[in-house]
Amino acid sequence: MSNASSAELPKIVDPYKLAEHNSVLEGEIPISALSRFRETVLGFEEGAVCRVKLSFYKDDQRRRIVSGELEAPVNLECQRCMGSMGSVLTSQFILGLVTSDEQAQRLPKDLEPYLTDDFSADLWSMAEDELLLVLAPYPLHDRAECPANDDLEAYERDGPSAQPEKKTGDNPFSVLAGLKNTKH
């Protein structure tokens, strides 16, 4: 995606009309306007935006498709040190536009359904759904960069003693092996 400044992405559009005309929409969505997503991240810079590019078209079977890419800079909470870590979330996706569950079931497995009204789709909600899908379940700093790295190293053993000790001795199941070989 380009770094050029963009206008705000329209919130509600007619995706079927856009697909008929092979339209491409590019724009930005203020992250502060995405309430579900905003609650799942530690924070973001003031004025941060999600940059979005969406292409609407019809495929060979005349299904209406939207393919898109997005990126959003956010701060996540490192699950190792519980500190803030900057991250840029990115996603590339392809969705089949449908108006019912029956249409969704007829889509090929490689095409995710996106349920819309007959003549409108909320693009901000679509982008927010994709951002939620790409969130890491356990975000972590790179180990060398994590502030908790010194604490982790203090708890880890170095050298050969770091391997669990192997217990030598009889296998408790060896008696069973002997019974298996005897004939009654």
C-alpha atoms as a PDB file:
ATOM      1  CA  MET A   1       0.000   0.000   0.000  1.00  0.00           C
ATOM      2  CA  SER A   2       1.247   3.459  -0.755  1.00  0.00           C
ATOM      3  CA  ASN A   3       2.181   5.906   1.960  1.00  0.00           C
ATOM      4  CA  ALA A   4       0.366   8.750   0.230  1.00  0.00           C
ATOM      5  CA  SER A   5      -2.313  10.524   2.194  1.00  0.00           C
ATOM      6  CA  SER A   6      -5.810   9.305   1.386  1.00  0.00           C
ATOM      7  CA  ALA A   7      -9.333  10.455   1.961  1.00  0.00           C
ATOM      8  CA  GLU A   8     -11.624   8.761   4.419  1.00  0.00           C
ATOM      9  CA  LEU A   9     -13.044   5.464   3.113  1.00  0.00           C
ATOM     10  CA  PRO A  10     -16.835   5.631   2.650  1.00  0.00           C
ATOM     11  CA  LYS A  11     -18.679   3.856   5.459  1.00  0.00           C
ATOM     12  CA  ILE A  12     -21.716   2.508   3.578  1.00  0.00           C
ATOM     13  CA  VAL A  13     -21.683   1.562  -0.118  1.00  0.00           C
ATOM     14  CA  ASP A  14     -23.649  -0.522  -2.606  1.00  0.00           C
ATOM     15  CA  PRO A  15     -21.139  -3.375  -3.129  1.00  0.00           C
ATOM     16  CA  TYR A  16     -23.158  -4.971  -5.932  1.00  0.00           C
ATOM     17  CA  LYS A  17     -23.094  -1.793  -8.004  1.00  0.00           C
ATOM     18  CA  LEU A  18     -19.365  -1.432  -7.328  1.00  0.00           C
ATOM     19  CA  ALA A  19     -18.787  -5.037  -8.446  1.00  0.00           C
ATOM     20  CA  GLU A  20     -20.738  -4.420 -11.663  1.00  0.00           C
ATOM     21  CA  HIS A  21     -18.344  -1.582 -12.502  1.00  0.00           C
ATOM     22  CA  ASN A  22     -15.096  -3.277 -11.332  1.00  0.00           C
ATOM     23  CA  SER A  23     -14.514  -0.473  -8.842  1.00  0.00           C
ATOM     24  CA  VAL A  24     -11.542   0.101  -6.557  1.00  0.00           C
ATOM     25  CA  LEU A  25     -11.859   2.118  -3.355  1.00  0.00           C
ATOM     26  CA  GLU A  26      -8.904   3.343  -1.317  1.00  0.00           C
ATOM     27  CA  GLY A  27      -9.046   5.327   1.852  1.00  0.00           C
ATOM     28  CA  GLU A  28      -8.495   5.546   5.562  1.00  0.00           C
ATOM     29  CA  ILE A  29     -10.576   4.711   8.585  1.00  0.00           C
ATOM     30  CA  PRO A  30      -9.810   6.380  11.925  1.00  0.00           C
ATOM     31  CA  ILE A  31      -8.894   3.581  14.340  1.00  0.00           C
ATOM     32  CA  SER A  32     -10.698   5.492  17.079  1.00  0.00           C
ATOM     33  CA  ALA A  33     -13.963   4.883  15.158  1.00  0.00           C
ATOM     34  CA  LEU A  34     -13.571   1.069  15.325  1.00  0.00           C
ATOM     35  CA  SER A  35     -14.955   0.428  18.815  1.00  0.00           C
ATOM     36  CA  ARG A  36     -14.720  -3.396  18.871  1.00  0.00           C
ATOM     37  CA  PHE A  37     -11.132  -3.321  17.611  1.00  0.00           C
ATOM     38  CA  ARG A  38     -10.144  -0.392  19.833  1.00  0.00           C
ATOM     39  CA  GLU A  39     -11.073  -2.457  22.921  1.00  0.00           C
ATOM     40  CA  THR A  40      -8.757  -5.341  21.941  1.00  0.00           C
ATOM     41  CA  VAL A  41      -5.511  -3.386  21.560  1.00  0.00           C
ATOM     42  CA  LEU A  42      -3.420  -1.665  24.201  1.00  0.00           C
ATOM     43  CA  GLY A  43      -3.558   1.616  22.297  1.00  0.00           C
ATOM     44  CA  PHE A  44      -2.597   3.569  19.201  1.00  0.00           C
ATOM     45  CA  GLU A  45      -1.171   6.939  18.306  1.00  0.00           C
ATOM     46  CA  GLU A  46      -3.551   9.879  18.284  1.00  0.00           C
ATOM     47  CA  GLY A  47      -4.946  10.241  14.775  1.00  0.00           C
ATOM     48  CA  ALA A  48      -3.872   6.717  13.730  1.00  0.00           C
ATOM     49  CA  VAL A  49      -5.719   5.324  10.731  1.00  0.00           C
ATOM     50  CA  CYS A  50      -6.280   1.984   9.085  1.00  0.00           C
ATOM     51  CA  ARG A  51      -5.358   2.233   5.391  1.00  0.00           C
ATOM     52  CA  VAL A  52      -7.657   0.178   3.182  1.00  0.00           C
ATOM     53  CA  LYS A  53      -7.766  -0.785  -0.489  1.00  0.00           C
ATOM     54  CA  LEU A  54     -10.809  -2.708  -1.763  1.00  0.00           C
ATOM     55  CA  SER A  55     -11.426  -4.083  -5.263  1.00  0.00           C
ATOM     56  CA  PHE A  56     -14.969  -5.046  -6.217  1.00  0.00           C
ATOM     57  CA  TYR A  57     -15.566  -7.322  -9.225  1.00  0.00           C
ATOM     58  CA  LYS A  58     -17.429 -10.346 -10.594  1.00  0.00           C
ATOM     59  CA  ASP A  59     -15.637 -13.663 -11.059  1.00  0.00           C
ATOM     60  CA  ASP A  60     -16.108 -16.219 -13.882  1.00  0.00           C
ATOM     61  CA  GLN A  61     -19.240 -17.638 -12.191  1.00  0.00           C
ATOM     62  CA  ARG A  62     -20.668 -14.104 -11.893  1.00  0.00           C
ATOM     63  CA  ARG A  63     -20.260 -14.109  -8.108  1.00  0.00           C
ATOM     64  CA  ARG A  64     -19.634 -10.679  -6.658  1.00  0.00           C
ATOM     65  CA  ILE A  65     -16.266 -10.518  -4.943  1.00  0.00           C
ATOM     66  CA  VAL A  66     -14.373  -7.982  -2.874  1.00  0.00           C
ATOM     67  CA  SER A  67     -10.647  -8.408  -2.416  1.00  0.00           C
ATOM     68  CA  GLY A  68      -8.797  -6.141  -0.092  1.00  0.00           C
ATOM     69  CA  GLU A  69      -5.736  -5.278   1.837  1.00  0.00           C
ATOM     70  CA  LEU A  70      -5.347  -3.183   4.935  1.00  0.00           C
ATOM     71  CA  GLU A  71      -2.788  -2.074   7.460  1.00  0.00           C
ATOM     72  CA  ALA A  72      -3.097  -0.425  10.849  1.00  0.00           C
ATOM     73  CA  PRO A  73      -0.400   0.686  13.315  1.00  0.00           C
ATOM     74  CA  VAL A  74      -1.285  -0.222  16.916  1.00  0.00           C
ATOM     75  CA  ASN A  75       0.259  -0.928  20.299  1.00  0.00           C
ATOM     76  CA  LEU A  76      -0.242  -4.448  21.617  1.00  0.00           C
ATOM     77  CA  GLU A  77       0.486  -5.834  25.075  1.00  0.00           C
ATOM     78  CA  CYS A  78       3.454  -8.223  25.099  1.00  0.00           C
ATOM     79  CA  GLN A  79       2.355 -11.345  26.933  1.00  0.00           C
ATOM     80  CA  ARG A  80       5.890 -11.938  28.219  1.00  0.00           C
ATOM     81  CA  CYS A  81       6.629  -8.571  29.870  1.00  0.00           C
ATOM     82  CA  MET A  82       3.109  -7.064  29.811  1.00  0.00           C
ATOM     83  CA  GLY A  83       4.593  -3.918  28.254  1.00  0.00           C
ATOM     84  CA  SER A  84       3.593  -2.004  25.164  1.00  0.00           C
ATOM     85  CA  MET A  85       4.909  -3.082  21.785  1.00  0.00           C
ATOM     86  CA  GLY A  86       4.349  -1.324  18.486  1.00  0.00           C
ATOM     87  CA  SER A  87       2.998  -3.422  15.635  1.00  0.00           C
ATOM     88  CA  VAL A  88       1.572  -2.879  12.168  1.00  0.00           C
ATOM     89  CA  LEU A  89      -1.302  -5.253  11.502  1.00  0.00           C
ATOM     90  CA  THR A  90      -1.744  -6.214   7.851  1.00  0.00           C
ATOM     91  CA  SER A  91      -4.286  -8.371   6.066  1.00  0.00           C
ATOM     92  CA  GLN A  92      -5.067  -9.482   2.556  1.00  0.00           C
ATOM     93  CA  PHE A  93      -8.462 -11.068   2.033  1.00  0.00           C
ATOM     94  CA  ILE A  94     -11.005 -12.164  -0.571  1.00  0.00           C
ATOM     95  CA  LEU A  95     -14.694 -12.224   0.311  1.00  0.00           C
ATOM     96  CA  GLY A  96     -17.767 -13.395  -1.570  1.00  0.00           C
ATOM     97  CA  LEU A  97     -20.676 -10.984  -1.216  1.00  0.00           C
ATOM     98  CA  VAL A  98     -23.878 -12.767  -0.193  1.00  0.00           C
ATOM     99  CA  THR A  99     -27.308 -11.729   1.070  1.00  0.00           C
ATOM    100  CA  SER A 100     -28.304 -15.023   2.742  1.00  0.00           C
ATOM    101  CA  ASP A 101     -26.897 -18.054   4.528  1.00  0.00           C
ATOM    102  CA  GLU A 102     -27.963 -20.234   1.577  1.00  0.00           C
ATOM    103  CA  GLN A 103     -25.786 -18.185  -0.781  1.00  0.00           C
ATOM    104  CA  ALA A 104     -22.919 -18.394   1.695  1.00  0.00           C
ATOM    105  CA  GLN A 105     -23.121 -22.197   1.755  1.00  0.00           C
ATOM    106  CA  ARG A 106     -22.849 -22.330  -2.043  1.00  0.00           C
ATOM    107  CA  LEU A 107     -19.563 -20.404  -2.091  1.00  0.00           C
ATOM    108  CA  PRO A 108     -16.397 -22.413  -2.754  1.00  0.00           C
ATOM    109  CA  LYS A 109     -14.357 -23.266   0.348  1.00  0.00           C
ATOM    110  CA  ASP A 110     -11.546 -20.840  -0.581  1.00  0.00           C
ATOM    111  CA  LEU A 111     -13.948 -17.873  -0.543  1.00  0.00           C
ATOM    112  CA  GLU A 112     -15.100 -16.406   2.771  1.00  0.00           C
ATOM    113  CA  PRO A 113     -18.684 -15.099   2.772  1.00  0.00           C
ATOM    114  CA  TYR A 114     -19.479 -11.510   3.650  1.00  0.00           C
ATOM    115  CA  LEU A 115     -23.151 -11.063   4.482  1.00  0.00           C
ATOM    116  CA  THR A 116     -24.643  -7.790   3.223  1.00  0.00           C
ATOM    117  CA  ASP A 117     -28.031  -6.185   2.864  1.00  0.00           C
ATOM    118  CA  ASP A 118     -29.479  -6.134  -0.646  1.00  0.00           C
ATOM    119  CA  PHE A 119     -27.925  -2.798  -1.552  1.00  0.00           C
ATOM    120  CA  SER A 120     -25.540  -1.806   1.221  1.00  0.00           C
ATOM    121  CA  ALA A 121     -22.426  -2.922   3.026  1.00  0.00           C
ATOM    122  CA  ASP A 122     -20.614  -1.317   5.946  1.00  0.00           C
ATOM    123  CA  LEU A 123     -16.982  -1.118   4.795  1.00  0.00           C
ATOM    124  CA  TRP A 124     -15.757   0.065   8.184  1.00  0.00           C
ATOM    125  CA  SER A 125     -17.276  -2.995   9.835  1.00  0.00           C
ATOM    126  CA  MET A 126     -15.725  -5.207   7.130  1.00  0.00           C
ATOM    127  CA  ALA A 127     -12.278  -3.717   7.814  1.00  0.00           C
ATOM    128  CA  GLU A 128     -12.774  -4.015  11.578  1.00  0.00           C
ATOM    129  CA  ASP A 129     -13.670  -7.713  11.225  1.00  0.00           C
ATOM    130  CA  GLU A 130     -10.480  -8.320   9.232  1.00  0.00           C
ATOM    131  CA  LEU A 131      -8.358  -6.462  11.799  1.00  0.00           C
ATOM    132  CA  LEU A 132      -9.817  -8.588  14.589  1.00  0.00           C
ATOM    133  CA  LEU A 133      -8.990 -11.737  12.617  1.00  0.00           C
ATOM    134  CA  VAL A 134      -5.301 -10.835  12.199  1.00  0.00           C
ATOM    135  CA  LEU A 135      -4.665  -9.962  15.843  1.00  0.00           C
ATOM    136  CA  ALA A 136      -2.064 -12.298  17.341  1.00  0.00           C
ATOM    137  CA  PRO A 137      -3.562 -14.330  20.207  1.00  0.00           C
ATOM    138  CA  TYR A 138      -0.344 -13.936  22.255  1.00  0.00           C
ATOM    139  CA  PRO A 139       1.697 -10.976  21.014  1.00  0.00           C
ATOM    140  CA  LEU A 140       5.341 -11.106  22.069  1.00  0.00           C
ATOM    141  CA  HIS A 141       8.341  -8.835  21.614  1.00  0.00           C
ATOM    142  CA  ASP A 142      11.289 -10.441  19.881  1.00  0.00           C
ATOM    143  CA  ARG A 143      13.013 -12.216  22.737  1.00  0.00           C
ATOM    144  CA  ALA A 144      16.212 -10.142  22.500  1.00  0.00           C
ATOM    145  CA  GLU A 145      14.182  -6.892  22.577  1.00  0.00           C
ATOM    146  CA  CYS A 146      11.812  -7.852  25.384  1.00  0.00           C
ATOM    147  CA  PRO A 147      12.358  -5.978  28.680  1.00  0.00           C
ATOM    148  CA  ALA A 148      11.625  -9.256  30.499  1.00  0.00           C
ATOM    149  CA  ASN A 149      14.567 -10.990  28.772  1.00  0.00           C
ATOM    150  CA  ASP A 150      16.920 -10.530  31.781  1.00  0.00           C
ATOM    151  CA  ASP A 151      14.329 -12.015  34.124  1.00  0.00           C
ATOM    152  CA  LEU A 152      13.794 -14.968  31.795  1.00  0.00           C
ATOM    153  CA  GLU A 153      17.509 -15.695  31.598  1.00  0.00           C
ATOM    154  CA  ALA A 154      17.782 -15.646  35.402  1.00  0.00           C
ATOM    155  CA  TYR A 155      15.243 -18.481  35.636  1.00  0.00           C
ATOM    156  CA  GLU A 156      16.735 -20.606  32.873  1.00  0.00           C
ATOM    157  CA  ARG A 157      19.546 -23.047  33.489  1.00  0.00           C
ATOM    158  CA  ASP A 158      22.582 -22.910  31.232  1.00  0.00           C
ATOM    159  CA  GLY A 159      24.590 -25.824  29.928  1.00  0.00           C
ATOM    160  CA  PRO A 160      23.908 -29.526  30.152  1.00  0.00           C
ATOM    161  CA  SER A 161      21.968 -29.302  33.419  1.00  0.00           C
ATOM    162  CA  ALA A 162      19.217 -27.514  31.471  1.00  0.00           C
ATOM    163  CA  GLN A 163      18.244 -30.909  30.074  1.00  0.00           C
ATOM    164  CA  PRO A 164      16.021 -32.976  32.350  1.00  0.00           C
ATOM    165  CA  GLU A 165      17.959 -35.681  34.102  1.00  0.00           C
ATOM    166  CA  LYS A 166      17.471 -39.108  32.611  1.00  0.00           C
ATOM    167  CA  LYS A 167      16.576 -41.675  35.158  1.00  0.00           C
ATOM    168  CA  THR A 168      18.412 -44.918  34.791  1.00  0.00           C
ATOM    169  CA  GLY A 169      16.891 -48.066  36.094  1.00  0.00           C
ATOM    170  CA  ASP A 170      14.399 -50.724  35.303  1.00  0.00           C
ATOM    171  CA  ASN A 171      11.449 -50.040  33.122  1.00  0.00           C
ATOM    172  CA  PRO A 172       8.353 -50.659  35.252  1.00  0.00           C
ATOM    173  CA  PHE A 173       6.649 -52.251  32.253  1.00  0.00           C
ATOM    174  CA  SER A 174       9.397 -54.840  31.666  1.00  0.00           C
ATOM    175  CA  VAL A 175       7.453 -57.316  33.835  1.00  0.00           C
ATOM    176  CA  LEU A 176       4.524 -57.025  31.407  1.00  0.00           C
ATOM    177  CA  ALA A 177       6.812 -57.702  28.457  1.00  0.00           C
ATOM    178  CA  GLY A 178       7.923 -60.916  30.163  1.00  0.00           C
ATOM    179  CA  LEU A 179       4.305 -62.023  30.685  1.00  0.00           C
ATOM    180  CA  LYS A 180       3.525 -61.365  27.043  1.00  0.00           C
ATOM    181  CA  ASN A 181       6.217 -63.822  25.945  1.00  0.00           C
ATOM    182  CA  THR A 182       5.160 -66.693  28.256  1.00  0.00           C
ATOM    183  CA  LYS A 183       2.691 -69.270  26.975  1.00  0.00           C
ATOM    184  CA  HIS A 184      -0.092 -70.586  29.137  1.00  0.00           C
END
